[in-house]
Amino acid sequence: MGTMPAQPLLVLCKDLLFSSRITAAAKQAGIPFTFVREPQKLTDQPGARLILDLNLPGAIEAAAAWQQRTNGQTIGFVSHVDSETIAAAKTAGIQVILPRSQFVQKLPEILQL
C-alpha cells in the first residue's frame, strides 16, 4: 500500500513569536510547512492541515473557506480571554481551538496529528 506524498502544513500567522515557534517545532519534527501571511492568499493554497492565528483579522473567514474547499483540518490558537473570537471560530467550523498558552505547550503533538 503506497502513501501519498505529504502536503505541507499551512500556517496562517503574522505574529513573529508564534511564527518562530512553529517554524522551529516543524523543522525539528521534519514536517514541511508553508507560511501564508495574508488571509486572502490562503484560498489557493493546497494542504491537508492549517494552523492559524484566530486573532489575525480575516483569518477565520479565510480558514473556513479553505477548509470547505480542501476538506483540510483547521487548528486555531487565540487569546483565552477573547470569547468573541472563540465563538466566531466555532461558528465558522474551525475544528480545534486552543488558547495560546496551550497551543505552545501542545505544539509538538499538534504537528504530529
PDB file of N, CA and C in Angstrom:
ATOM      1  N   MET A   1       0.845  -1.170   0.000  1.00  0.00           N
ATOM      2  CA  MET A   1       0.000   0.000   0.000  1.00  0.00           C
ATOM      3  C   MET A   1       0.895   1.238   0.000  1.00  0.00           C
ATOM      4  N   GLY A   2       0.815   2.060  -1.022  1.00  0.00           N
ATOM      5  CA  GLY A   2       1.644   3.258  -1.132  1.00  0.00           C
ATOM      6  C   GLY A   2       1.056   4.408  -0.344  1.00  0.00           C
ATOM      7  N   THR A   3       1.903   5.341   0.018  1.00  0.00           N
ATOM      8  CA  THR A   3       1.409   6.520   0.717  1.00  0.00           C
ATOM      9  C   THR A   3       1.497   7.710  -0.216  1.00  0.00           C
ATOM     10  N   MET A   4       0.565   8.615  -0.038  1.00  0.00           N
ATOM     11  CA  MET A   4       0.569   9.827  -0.848  1.00  0.00           C
ATOM     12  C   MET A   4       1.647  10.759  -0.308  1.00  0.00           C
ATOM     13  N   PRO A   5       2.279  11.538  -1.175  1.00  0.00           N
ATOM     14  CA  PRO A   5       3.254  12.492  -0.670  1.00  0.00           C
ATOM     15  C   PRO A   5       2.569  13.483   0.273  1.00  0.00           C
ATOM     16  N   ALA A   6       3.221  13.798   1.353  1.00  0.00           N
ATOM     17  CA  ALA A   6       2.630  14.706   2.337  1.00  0.00           C
ATOM     18  C   ALA A   6       2.553  16.119   1.783  1.00  0.00           C
ATOM     19  N   GLN A   7       1.388  16.714   1.953  1.00  0.00           N
ATOM     20  CA  GLN A   7       1.252  18.120   1.589  1.00  0.00           C
ATOM     21  C   GLN A   7       1.813  18.941   2.739  1.00  0.00           C
ATOM     22  N   PRO A   8       2.343  20.108   2.443  1.00  0.00           N
ATOM     23  CA  PRO A   8       2.914  20.893   3.535  1.00  0.00           C
ATOM     24  C   PRO A   8       1.833  21.343   4.520  1.00  0.00           C
ATOM     25  N   LEU A   9       2.251  21.499   5.739  1.00  0.00           N
ATOM     26  CA  LEU A   9       1.411  22.096   6.756  1.00  0.00           C
ATOM     27  C   LEU A   9       1.313  23.573   6.409  1.00  0.00           C
ATOM     28  N   LEU A  10       0.122  24.123   6.419  1.00  0.00           N
ATOM     29  CA  LEU A  10      -0.043  25.555   6.164  1.00  0.00           C
ATOM     30  C   LEU A  10      -0.129  26.284   7.495  1.00  0.00           C
ATOM     31  N   VAL A  11       0.476  27.451   7.542  1.00  0.00           N
ATOM     32  CA  VAL A  11       0.459  28.260   8.759  1.00  0.00           C
ATOM     33  C   VAL A  11       0.060  29.676   8.372  1.00  0.00           C
ATOM     34  N   LEU A  12      -1.066  30.131   8.917  1.00  0.00           N
ATOM     35  CA  LEU A  12      -1.531  31.498   8.681  1.00  0.00           C
ATOM     36  C   LEU A  12      -1.274  32.288   9.958  1.00  0.00           C
ATOM     37  N   CYS A  13      -0.186  33.057   9.945  1.00  0.00           N
ATOM     38  CA  CYS A  13       0.236  33.755  11.156  1.00  0.00           C
ATOM     39  C   CYS A  13       1.179  34.895  10.779  1.00  0.00           C
ATOM     40  N   LYS A  14       0.991  36.047  11.415  1.00  0.00           N
ATOM     41  CA  LYS A  14       1.899  37.170  11.224  1.00  0.00           C
ATOM     42  C   LYS A  14       2.740  37.424  12.469  1.00  0.00           C
ATOM     43  N   ASP A  15       2.304  36.909  13.599  1.00  0.00           N
ATOM     44  CA  ASP A  15       2.981  37.125  14.880  1.00  0.00           C
ATOM     45  C   ASP A  15       4.367  36.484  14.836  1.00  0.00           C
ATOM     46  N   LEU A  16       5.414  37.281  15.012  1.00  0.00           N
ATOM     47  CA  LEU A  16       6.787  36.774  14.883  1.00  0.00           C
ATOM     48  C   LEU A  16       7.136  35.729  15.938  1.00  0.00           C
ATOM     49  N   LEU A  17       6.669  35.914  17.155  1.00  0.00           N
ATOM     50  CA  LEU A  17       6.962  34.958  18.215  1.00  0.00           C
ATOM     51  C   LEU A  17       6.364  33.585  17.883  1.00  0.00           C
ATOM     52  N   PHE A  18       5.097  33.566  17.509  1.00  0.00           N
ATOM     53  CA  PHE A  18       4.456  32.296  17.189  1.00  0.00           C
ATOM     54  C   PHE A  18       4.989  31.717  15.886  1.00  0.00           C
ATOM     55  N   SER A  19       5.288  32.562  14.924  1.00  0.00           N
ATOM     56  CA  SER A  19       5.861  32.082  13.665  1.00  0.00           C
ATOM     57  C   SER A  19       7.178  31.360  13.916  1.00  0.00           C
ATOM     58  N   SER A  20       8.028  31.952  14.761  1.00  0.00           N
ATOM     59  CA  SER A  20       9.328  31.328  15.019  1.00  0.00           C
ATOM     60  C   SER A  20       9.175  30.031  15.811  1.00  0.00           C
ATOM     61  N   ARG A  21       8.229  29.981  16.742  1.00  0.00           N
ATOM     62  CA  ARG A  21       7.988  28.745  17.498  1.00  0.00           C
ATOM     63  C   ARG A  21       7.482  27.624  16.592  1.00  0.00           C
ATOM     64  N   ILE A  22       6.558  27.960  15.705  1.00  0.00           N
ATOM     65  CA  ILE A  22       6.012  26.962  14.779  1.00  0.00           C
ATOM     66  C   ILE A  22       7.106  26.489  13.832  1.00  0.00           C
ATOM     67  N   THR A  23       7.888  27.426  13.305  1.00  0.00           N
ATOM     68  CA  THR A  23       8.983  27.080  12.397  1.00  0.00           C
ATOM     69  C   THR A  23       9.963  26.120  13.067  1.00  0.00           C
ATOM     70  N   ALA A  24      10.394  26.448  14.277  1.00  0.00           N
ATOM     71  CA  ALA A  24      11.357  25.611  14.994  1.00  0.00           C
ATOM     72  C   ALA A  24      10.788  24.212  15.257  1.00  0.00           C
ATOM     73  N   ALA A  25       9.548  24.150  15.703  1.00  0.00           N
ATOM     74  CA  ALA A  25       8.941  22.857  16.016  1.00  0.00           C
ATOM     75  C   ALA A  25       8.739  22.016  14.755  1.00  0.00           C
ATOM     76  N   ALA A  26       8.310  22.639  13.656  1.00  0.00           N
ATOM     77  CA  ALA A  26       8.089  21.905  12.405  1.00  0.00           C
ATOM     78  C   ALA A  26       9.416  21.397  11.840  1.00  0.00           C
ATOM     79  N   LYS A  27      10.457  22.222  11.899  1.00  0.00           N
ATOM     80  CA  LYS A  27      11.774  21.787  11.418  1.00  0.00           C
ATOM     81  C   LYS A  27      12.294  20.628  12.256  1.00  0.00           C
ATOM     82  N   GLN A  28      12.136  20.733  13.563  1.00  0.00           N
ATOM     83  CA  GLN A  28      12.595  19.672  14.459  1.00  0.00           C
ATOM     84  C   GLN A  28      11.850  18.363  14.193  1.00  0.00           C
ATOM     85  N   ALA A  29      10.566  18.471  13.853  1.00  0.00           N
ATOM     86  CA  ALA A  29       9.757  17.278  13.583  1.00  0.00           C
ATOM     87  C   ALA A  29       9.918  16.791  12.143  1.00  0.00           C
ATOM     88  N   GLY A  30      10.620  17.576  11.312  1.00  0.00           N
ATOM     89  CA  GLY A  30      10.802  17.192   9.916  1.00  0.00           C
ATOM     90  C   GLY A  30       9.534  17.313   9.087  1.00  0.00           C
ATOM     91  N   ILE A  31       8.684  18.243   9.466  1.00  0.00           N
ATOM     92  CA  ILE A  31       7.402  18.429   8.775  1.00  0.00           C
ATOM     93  C   ILE A  31       7.513  19.619   7.835  1.00  0.00           C
ATOM     94  N   PRO A  32       7.233  19.408   6.531  1.00  0.00           N
ATOM     95  CA  PRO A  32       7.274  20.539   5.603  1.00  0.00           C
ATOM     96  C   PRO A  32       6.131  21.506   5.906  1.00  0.00           C
ATOM     97  N   PHE A  33       6.395  22.794   5.785  1.00  0.00           N
ATOM     98  CA  PHE A  33       5.375  23.783   6.095  1.00  0.00           C
ATOM     99  C   PHE A  33       5.490  24.965   5.151  1.00  0.00           C
ATOM    100  N   THR A  34       4.387  25.666   5.003  1.00  0.00           N
ATOM    101  CA  THR A  34       4.335  26.863   4.185  1.00  0.00           C
ATOM    102  C   THR A  34       3.639  27.948   4.992  1.00  0.00           C
ATOM    103  N   PHE A  35       4.282  29.105   5.105  1.00  0.00           N
ATOM    104  CA  PHE A  35       3.651  30.232   5.780  1.00  0.00           C
ATOM    105  C   PHE A  35       2.835  31.036   4.787  1.00  0.00           C
ATOM    106  N   VAL A  36       1.659  31.444   5.217  1.00  0.00           N
ATOM    107  CA  VAL A  36       0.807  32.361   4.476  1.00  0.00           C
ATOM    108  C   VAL A  36       0.616  33.545   5.410  1.00  0.00           C
ATOM    109  N   ARG A  37       1.005  34.713   4.975  1.00  0.00           N
ATOM    110  CA  ARG A  37       0.962  35.889   5.859  1.00  0.00           C
ATOM    111  C   ARG A  37      -0.333  36.680   5.732  1.00  0.00           C
ATOM    112  N   GLU A  38      -0.996  36.563   4.603  1.00  0.00           N
ATOM    113  CA  GLU A  38      -2.226  37.326   4.366  1.00  0.00           C
ATOM    114  C   GLU A  38      -3.399  36.367   4.185  1.00  0.00           C
ATOM    115  N   PRO A  39      -4.477  36.535   4.958  1.00  0.00           N
ATOM    116  CA  PRO A  39      -5.616  35.615   4.868  1.00  0.00           C
ATOM    117  C   PRO A  39      -6.164  35.435   3.454  1.00  0.00           C
ATOM    118  N   GLN A  40      -6.198  36.508   2.657  1.00  0.00           N
ATOM    119  CA  GLN A  40      -6.767  36.402   1.311  1.00  0.00           C
ATOM    120  C   GLN A  40      -5.926  35.513   0.390  1.00  0.00           C
ATOM    121  N   LYS A  41      -4.675  35.256   0.759  1.00  0.00           N
ATOM    122  CA  LYS A  41      -3.815  34.400  -0.066  1.00  0.00           C
ATOM    123  C   LYS A  41      -3.942  32.925   0.291  1.00  0.00           C
ATOM    124  N   LEU A  42      -4.731  32.628   1.310  1.00  0.00           N
ATOM    125  CA  LEU A  42      -4.880  31.249   1.769  1.00  0.00           C
ATOM    126  C   LEU A  42      -5.714  30.406   0.808  1.00  0.00           C
ATOM    127  N   THR A  43      -6.688  30.996   0.182  1.00  0.00           N
ATOM    128  CA  THR A  43      -7.652  30.276  -0.633  1.00  0.00           C
ATOM    129  C   THR A  43      -7.033  29.345  -1.656  1.00  0.00           C
ATOM    130  N   ASP A  44      -5.951  29.754  -2.295  1.00  0.00           N
ATOM    131  CA  ASP A  44      -5.357  28.968  -3.372  1.00  0.00           C
ATOM    132  C   ASP A  44      -4.327  27.948  -2.889  1.00  0.00           C
ATOM    133  N   GLN A  45      -4.061  27.894  -1.600  1.00  0.00           N
ATOM    134  CA  GLN A  45      -3.001  27.034  -1.084  1.00  0.00           C
ATOM    135  C   GLN A  45      -3.468  25.590  -0.895  1.00  0.00           C
ATOM    136  N   PRO A  46      -2.710  24.631  -1.437  1.00  0.00           N
ATOM    137  CA  PRO A  46      -3.028  23.233  -1.162  1.00  0.00           C
ATOM    138  C   PRO A  46      -2.512  22.859   0.222  1.00  0.00           C
ATOM    139  N   GLY A  47      -3.143  21.906   0.837  1.00  0.00           N
ATOM    140  CA  GLY A  47      -2.684  21.452   2.141  1.00  0.00           C
ATOM    141  C   GLY A  47      -3.719  20.552   2.777  1.00  0.00           C
ATOM    142  N   ALA A  48      -3.290  19.816   3.770  1.00  0.00           N
ATOM    143  CA  ALA A  48      -4.195  18.936   4.498  1.00  0.00           C
ATOM    144  C   ALA A  48      -4.503  19.483   5.885  1.00  0.00           C
ATOM    145  N   ARG A  49      -3.592  20.343   6.390  1.00  0.00           N
ATOM    146  CA  ARG A  49      -3.780  20.923   7.719  1.00  0.00           C
ATOM    147  C   ARG A  49      -3.393  22.394   7.697  1.00  0.00           C
ATOM    148  N   LEU A  50      -4.095  23.146   8.507  1.00  0.00           N
ATOM    149  CA  LEU A  50      -3.853  24.579   8.610  1.00  0.00           C
ATOM    150  C   LEU A  50      -3.803  24.964  10.078  1.00  0.00           C
ATOM    151  N   ILE A  51      -2.723  25.603  10.472  1.00  0.00           N
ATOM    152  CA  ILE A  51      -2.623  26.207  11.803  1.00  0.00           C
ATOM    153  C   ILE A  51      -2.798  27.702  11.595  1.00  0.00           C
ATOM    154  N   LEU A  52      -3.668  28.318  12.387  1.00  0.00           N
ATOM    155  CA  LEU A  52      -3.904  29.736  12.171  1.00  0.00           C
ATOM    156  C   LEU A  52      -4.057  30.506  13.467  1.00  0.00           C
ATOM    157  N   ASP A  53      -3.644  31.756  13.391  1.00  0.00           N
ATOM    158  CA  ASP A  53      -3.819  32.715  14.472  1.00  0.00           C
ATOM    159  C   ASP A  53      -5.216  33.294  14.303  1.00  0.00           C
ATOM    160  N   LEU A  54      -6.119  32.913  15.206  1.00  0.00           N
ATOM    161  CA  LEU A  54      -7.504  33.354  15.095  1.00  0.00           C
ATOM    162  C   LEU A  54      -7.671  34.847  15.337  1.00  0.00           C
ATOM    163  N   ASN A  55      -6.684  35.493  15.950  1.00  0.00           N
ATOM    164  CA  ASN A  55      -6.756  36.927  16.190  1.00  0.00           C
ATOM    165  C   ASN A  55      -6.318  37.755  14.983  1.00  0.00           C
ATOM    166  N   LEU A  56      -5.816  37.117  13.943  1.00  0.00           N
ATOM    167  CA  LEU A  56      -5.431  37.827  12.727  1.00  0.00           C
ATOM    168  C   LEU A  56      -6.700  38.214  11.964  1.00  0.00           C
ATOM    169  N   PRO A  57      -6.914  39.505  11.711  1.00  0.00           N
ATOM    170  CA  PRO A  57      -8.127  39.929  11.008  1.00  0.00           C
ATOM    171  C   PRO A  57      -8.308  39.190   9.673  1.00  0.00           C
ATOM    172  N   GLY A  58      -9.483  38.627   9.483  1.00  0.00           N
ATOM    173  CA  GLY A  58      -9.807  37.912   8.251  1.00  0.00           C
ATOM    174  C   GLY A  58      -9.419  36.440   8.257  1.00  0.00           C
ATOM    175  N   ALA A  59      -8.714  35.996   9.296  1.00  0.00           N
ATOM    176  CA  ALA A  59      -8.212  34.622   9.329  1.00  0.00           C
ATOM    177  C   ALA A  59      -9.332  33.586   9.441  1.00  0.00           C
ATOM    178  N   ILE A  60     -10.322  33.852  10.267  1.00  0.00           N
ATOM    179  CA  ILE A  60     -11.393  32.870  10.472  1.00  0.00           C
ATOM    180  C   ILE A  60     -12.159  32.637   9.179  1.00  0.00           C
ATOM    181  N   GLU A  61     -12.521  33.702   8.503  1.00  0.00           N
ATOM    182  CA  GLU A  61     -13.273  33.577   7.255  1.00  0.00           C
ATOM    183  C   GLU A  61     -12.442  32.865   6.189  1.00  0.00           C
ATOM    184  N   ALA A  62     -11.174  33.242   6.092  1.00  0.00           N
ATOM    185  CA  ALA A  62     -10.292  32.616   5.101  1.00  0.00           C
ATOM    186  C   ALA A  62     -10.102  31.137   5.404  1.00  0.00           C
ATOM    187  N   ALA A  63      -9.938  30.794   6.683  1.00  0.00           N
ATOM    188  CA  ALA A  63      -9.744  29.398   7.074  1.00  0.00           C
ATOM    189  C   ALA A  63     -11.002  28.576   6.807  1.00  0.00           C
ATOM    190  N   ALA A  64     -12.161  29.152   7.064  1.00  0.00           N
ATOM    191  CA  ALA A  64     -13.419  28.434   6.815  1.00  0.00           C
ATOM    192  C   ALA A  64     -13.581  28.153   5.317  1.00  0.00           C
ATOM    193  N   ALA A  65     -13.252  29.134   4.484  1.00  0.00           N
ATOM    194  CA  ALA A  65     -13.341  28.942   3.029  1.00  0.00           C
ATOM    195  C   ALA A  65     -12.322  27.895   2.566  1.00  0.00           C
ATOM    196  N   TRP A  66     -11.103  27.950   3.101  1.00  0.00           N
ATOM    197  CA  TRP A  66     -10.065  26.972   2.754  1.00  0.00           C
ATOM    198  C   TRP A  66     -10.502  25.574   3.169  1.00  0.00           C
ATOM    199  N   GLN A  67     -11.048  25.463   4.368  1.00  0.00           N
ATOM    200  CA  GLN A  67     -11.489  24.163   4.889  1.00  0.00           C
ATOM    201  C   GLN A  67     -12.602  23.580   4.011  1.00  0.00           C
ATOM    202  N   GLN A  68     -13.516  24.420   3.599  1.00  0.00           N
ATOM    203  CA  GLN A  68     -14.615  23.961   2.746  1.00  0.00           C
ATOM    204  C   GLN A  68     -14.093  23.472   1.391  1.00  0.00           C
ATOM    205  N   ARG A  69     -13.111  24.182   0.847  1.00  0.00           N
ATOM    206  CA  ARG A  69     -12.566  23.833  -0.459  1.00  0.00           C
ATOM    207  C   ARG A  69     -11.696  22.580  -0.406  1.00  0.00           C
ATOM    208  N   THR A  70     -10.898  22.432   0.658  1.00  0.00           N
ATOM    209  CA  THR A  70      -9.921  21.344   0.705  1.00  0.00           C
ATOM    210  C   THR A  70     -10.334  20.164   1.587  1.00  0.00           C
ATOM    211  N   ASN A  71     -11.323  20.393   2.453  1.00  0.00           N
ATOM    212  CA  ASN A  71     -11.705  19.412   3.465  1.00  0.00           C
ATOM    213  C   ASN A  71     -10.536  19.143   4.418  1.00  0.00           C
ATOM    214  N   GLY A  72      -9.655  20.124   4.561  1.00  0.00           N
ATOM    215  CA  GLY A  72      -8.491  20.004   5.438  1.00  0.00           C
ATOM    216  C   GLY A  72      -8.839  20.274   6.888  1.00  0.00           C
ATOM    217  N   GLN A  73      -7.907  19.952   7.763  1.00  0.00           N
ATOM    218  CA  GLN A  73      -8.083  20.152   9.198  1.00  0.00           C
ATOM    219  C   GLN A  73      -7.618  21.549   9.588  1.00  0.00           C
ATOM    220  N   THR A  74      -8.393  22.224  10.443  1.00  0.00           N
ATOM    221  CA  THR A  74      -8.042  23.561  10.913  1.00  0.00           C
ATOM    222  C   THR A  74      -7.783  23.546  12.413  1.00  0.00           C
ATOM    223  N   ILE A  75      -6.668  24.159  12.802  1.00  0.00           N
ATOM    224  CA  ILE A  75      -6.257  24.244  14.198  1.00  0.00           C
ATOM    225  C   ILE A  75      -5.939  25.707  14.475  1.00  0.00           C
ATOM    226  N   GLY A  76      -6.741  26.338  15.319  1.00  0.00           N
ATOM    227  CA  GLY A  76      -6.547  27.752  15.598  1.00  0.00           C
ATOM    228  C   GLY A  76      -6.103  28.009  17.017  1.00  0.00           C
ATOM    229  N   PHE A  77      -5.313  29.076  17.190  1.00  0.00           N
ATOM    230  CA  PHE A  77      -4.938  29.498  18.537  1.00  0.00           C
ATOM    231  C   PHE A  77      -5.378  30.943  18.735  1.00  0.00           C
ATOM    232  N   VAL A  78      -5.725  31.267  19.982  1.00  0.00           N
ATOM    233  CA  VAL A  78      -6.349  32.555  20.283  1.00  0.00           C
ATOM    234  C   VAL A  78      -6.089  32.918  21.744  1.00  0.00           C
ATOM    235  N   SER A  79      -6.175  34.186  22.055  1.00  0.00           N
ATOM    236  CA  SER A  79      -6.101  34.633  23.439  1.00  0.00           C
ATOM    237  C   SER A  79      -7.265  34.009  24.210  1.00  0.00           C
ATOM    238  N   HIS A  80      -6.988  33.424  25.363  1.00  0.00           N
ATOM    239  CA  HIS A  80      -8.025  32.707  26.108  1.00  0.00           C
ATOM    240  C   HIS A  80      -9.147  33.608  26.613  1.00  0.00           C
ATOM    241  N   VAL A  81      -8.923  34.898  26.663  1.00  0.00           N
ATOM    242  CA  VAL A  81      -9.960  35.816  27.131  1.00  0.00           C
ATOM    243  C   VAL A  81     -10.801  36.393  25.986  1.00  0.00           C
ATOM    244  N   ASP A  82     -10.483  36.022  24.760  1.00  0.00           N
ATOM    245  CA  ASP A  82     -11.180  36.567  23.585  1.00  0.00           C
ATOM    246  C   ASP A  82     -12.373  35.681  23.227  1.00  0.00           C
ATOM    247  N   SER A  83     -13.407  35.733  24.063  1.00  0.00           N
ATOM    248  CA  SER A  83     -14.562  34.844  23.884  1.00  0.00           C
ATOM    249  C   SER A  83     -15.319  35.117  22.586  1.00  0.00           C
ATOM    250  N   GLU A  84     -15.299  36.351  22.118  1.00  0.00           N
ATOM    251  CA  GLU A  84     -15.992  36.693  20.870  1.00  0.00           C
ATOM    252  C   GLU A  84     -15.334  35.985  19.677  1.00  0.00           C
ATOM    253  N   THR A  85     -14.006  36.011  19.628  1.00  0.00           N
ATOM    254  CA  THR A  85     -13.280  35.337  18.545  1.00  0.00           C
ATOM    255  C   THR A  85     -13.433  33.827  18.647  1.00  0.00           C
ATOM    256  N   ILE A  86     -13.395  33.294  19.855  1.00  0.00           N
ATOM    257  CA  ILE A  86     -13.577  31.846  20.054  1.00  0.00           C
ATOM    258  C   ILE A  86     -14.947  31.429  19.533  1.00  0.00           C
ATOM    259  N   ALA A  87     -15.983  32.191  19.862  1.00  0.00           N
ATOM    260  CA  ALA A  87     -17.343  31.883  19.396  1.00  0.00           C
ATOM    261  C   ALA A  87     -17.430  31.965  17.874  1.00  0.00           C
ATOM    262  N   ALA A  88     -16.803  32.985  17.280  1.00  0.00           N
ATOM    263  CA  ALA A  88     -16.816  33.139  15.818  1.00  0.00           C
ATOM    264  C   ALA A  88     -16.112  31.960  15.144  1.00  0.00           C
ATOM    265  N   ALA A  89     -15.000  31.514  15.728  1.00  0.00           N
ATOM    266  CA  ALA A  89     -14.251  30.383  15.161  1.00  0.00           C
ATOM    267  C   ALA A  89     -15.079  29.102  15.229  1.00  0.00           C
ATOM    268  N   LYS A  90     -15.756  28.884  16.350  1.00  0.00           N
ATOM    269  CA  LYS A  90     -16.623  27.699  16.479  1.00  0.00           C
ATOM    270  C   LYS A  90     -17.736  27.738  15.446  1.00  0.00           C
ATOM    271  N   THR A  91     -18.365  28.899  15.300  1.00  0.00           N
ATOM    272  CA  THR A  91     -19.449  29.066  14.328  1.00  0.00           C
ATOM    273  C   THR A  91     -18.957  28.813  12.908  1.00  0.00           C
ATOM    274  N   ALA A  92     -17.730  29.227  12.608  1.00  0.00           N
ATOM    275  CA  ALA A  92     -17.157  29.067  11.268  1.00  0.00           C
ATOM    276  C   ALA A  92     -16.702  27.634  10.995  1.00  0.00           C
ATOM    277  N   GLY A  93     -16.673  26.794  12.036  1.00  0.00           N
ATOM    278  CA  GLY A  93     -16.287  25.398  11.833  1.00  0.00           C
ATOM    279  C   GLY A  93     -14.810  25.097  12.037  1.00  0.00           C
ATOM    280  N   ILE A  94     -14.075  26.007  12.671  1.00  0.00           N
ATOM    281  CA  ILE A  94     -12.672  25.717  12.982  1.00  0.00           C
ATOM    282  C   ILE A  94     -12.682  24.513  13.926  1.00  0.00           C
ATOM    283  N   GLN A  95     -11.952  23.471  13.565  1.00  0.00           N
ATOM    284  CA  GLN A  95     -12.080  22.196  14.262  1.00  0.00           C
ATOM    285  C   GLN A  95     -11.429  22.147  15.629  1.00  0.00           C
ATOM    286  N   VAL A  96     -10.239  22.708  15.761  1.00  0.00           N
ATOM    287  CA  VAL A  96      -9.537  22.708  17.044  1.00  0.00           C
ATOM    288  C   VAL A  96      -9.219  24.154  17.394  1.00  0.00           C
ATOM    289  N   ILE A  97      -9.659  24.586  18.583  1.00  0.00           N
ATOM    290  CA  ILE A  97      -9.421  25.958  19.044  1.00  0.00           C
ATOM    291  C   ILE A  97      -8.731  25.865  20.395  1.00  0.00           C
ATOM    292  N   LEU A  98      -7.516  26.421  20.456  1.00  0.00           N
ATOM    293  CA  LEU A  98      -6.721  26.333  21.671  1.00  0.00           C
ATOM    294  C   LEU A  98      -6.301  27.721  22.157  1.00  0.00           C
ATOM    295  N   PRO A  99      -6.263  27.908  23.477  1.00  0.00           N
ATOM    296  CA  PRO A  99      -5.662  29.144  23.989  1.00  0.00           C
ATOM    297  C   PRO A  99      -4.188  29.173  23.607  1.00  0.00           C
ATOM    298  N   ARG A 100      -3.634  30.338  23.451  1.00  0.00           N
ATOM    299  CA  ARG A 100      -2.237  30.478  23.011  1.00  0.00           C
ATOM    300  C   ARG A 100      -1.272  29.661  23.875  1.00  0.00           C
ATOM    301  N   SER A 101      -1.429  29.718  25.193  1.00  0.00           N
ATOM    302  CA  SER A 101      -0.506  29.005  26.085  1.00  0.00           C
ATOM    303  C   SER A 101      -0.592  27.493  25.884  1.00  0.00           C
ATOM    304  N   GLN A 102      -1.794  26.985  25.718  1.00  0.00           N
ATOM    305  CA  GLN A 102      -1.969  25.546  25.497  1.00  0.00           C
ATOM    306  C   GLN A 102      -1.441  25.147  24.115  1.00  0.00           C
ATOM    307  N   PHE A 103      -1.616  26.018  23.130  1.00  0.00           N
ATOM    308  CA  PHE A 103      -1.111  25.756  21.792  1.00  0.00           C
ATOM    309  C   PHE A 103       0.406  25.579  21.820  1.00  0.00           C
ATOM    310  N   VAL A 104       1.101  26.503  22.491  1.00  0.00           N
ATOM    311  CA  VAL A 104       2.557  26.423  22.574  1.00  0.00           C
ATOM    312  C   VAL A 104       2.976  25.138  23.277  1.00  0.00           C
ATOM    313  N   GLN A 105       2.298  24.809  24.356  1.00  0.00           N
ATOM    314  CA  GLN A 105       2.612  23.618  25.130  1.00  0.00           C
ATOM    315  C   GLN A 105       2.416  22.345  24.306  1.00  0.00           C
ATOM    316  N   LYS A 106       1.357  22.305  23.500  1.00  0.00           N
ATOM    317  CA  LYS A 106       0.999  21.098  22.749  1.00  0.00           C
ATOM    318  C   LYS A 106       1.515  21.096  21.310  1.00  0.00           C
ATOM    319  N   LEU A 107       2.269  22.115  20.927  1.00  0.00           N
ATOM    320  CA  LEU A 107       2.709  22.245  19.534  1.00  0.00           C
ATOM    321  C   LEU A 107       3.379  20.989  18.974  1.00  0.00           C
ATOM    322  N   PRO A 108       4.313  20.350  19.679  1.00  0.00           N
ATOM    323  CA  PRO A 108       4.931  19.137  19.095  1.00  0.00           C
ATOM    324  C   PRO A 108       3.906  18.049  18.767  1.00  0.00           C
ATOM    325  N   GLU A 109       2.920  17.841  19.649  1.00  0.00           N
ATOM    326  CA  GLU A 109       1.923  16.803  19.351  1.00  0.00           C
ATOM    327  C   GLU A 109       0.915  17.272  18.297  1.00  0.00           C
ATOM    328  N   ILE A 110       0.629  18.561  18.239  1.00  0.00           N
ATOM    329  CA  ILE A 110      -0.270  19.110  17.201  1.00  0.00           C
ATOM    330  C   ILE A 110       0.344  18.838  15.828  1.00  0.00           C
ATOM    331  N   LEU A 111       1.641  19.017  15.708  1.00  0.00           N
ATOM    332  CA  LEU A 111       2.312  18.814  14.424  1.00  0.00           C
ATOM    333  C   LEU A 111       2.261  17.351  13.979  1.00  0.00           C
ATOM    334  N   GLN A 112       2.106  16.441  14.914  1.00  0.00           N
ATOM    335  CA  GLN A 112       2.058  15.022  14.574  1.00  0.00           C
ATOM    336  C   GLN A 112       0.661  14.527  14.238  1.00  0.00           C
ATOM    337  N   LEU A 113      -0.356  15.374  14.388  1.00  0.00           N
ATOM    338  CA  LEU A 113      -1.742  14.963  14.097  1.00  0.00           C
ATOM    339  C   LEU A 113      -1.895  14.508  12.666  1.00  0.00           C
TER     340      LEU A 113
END
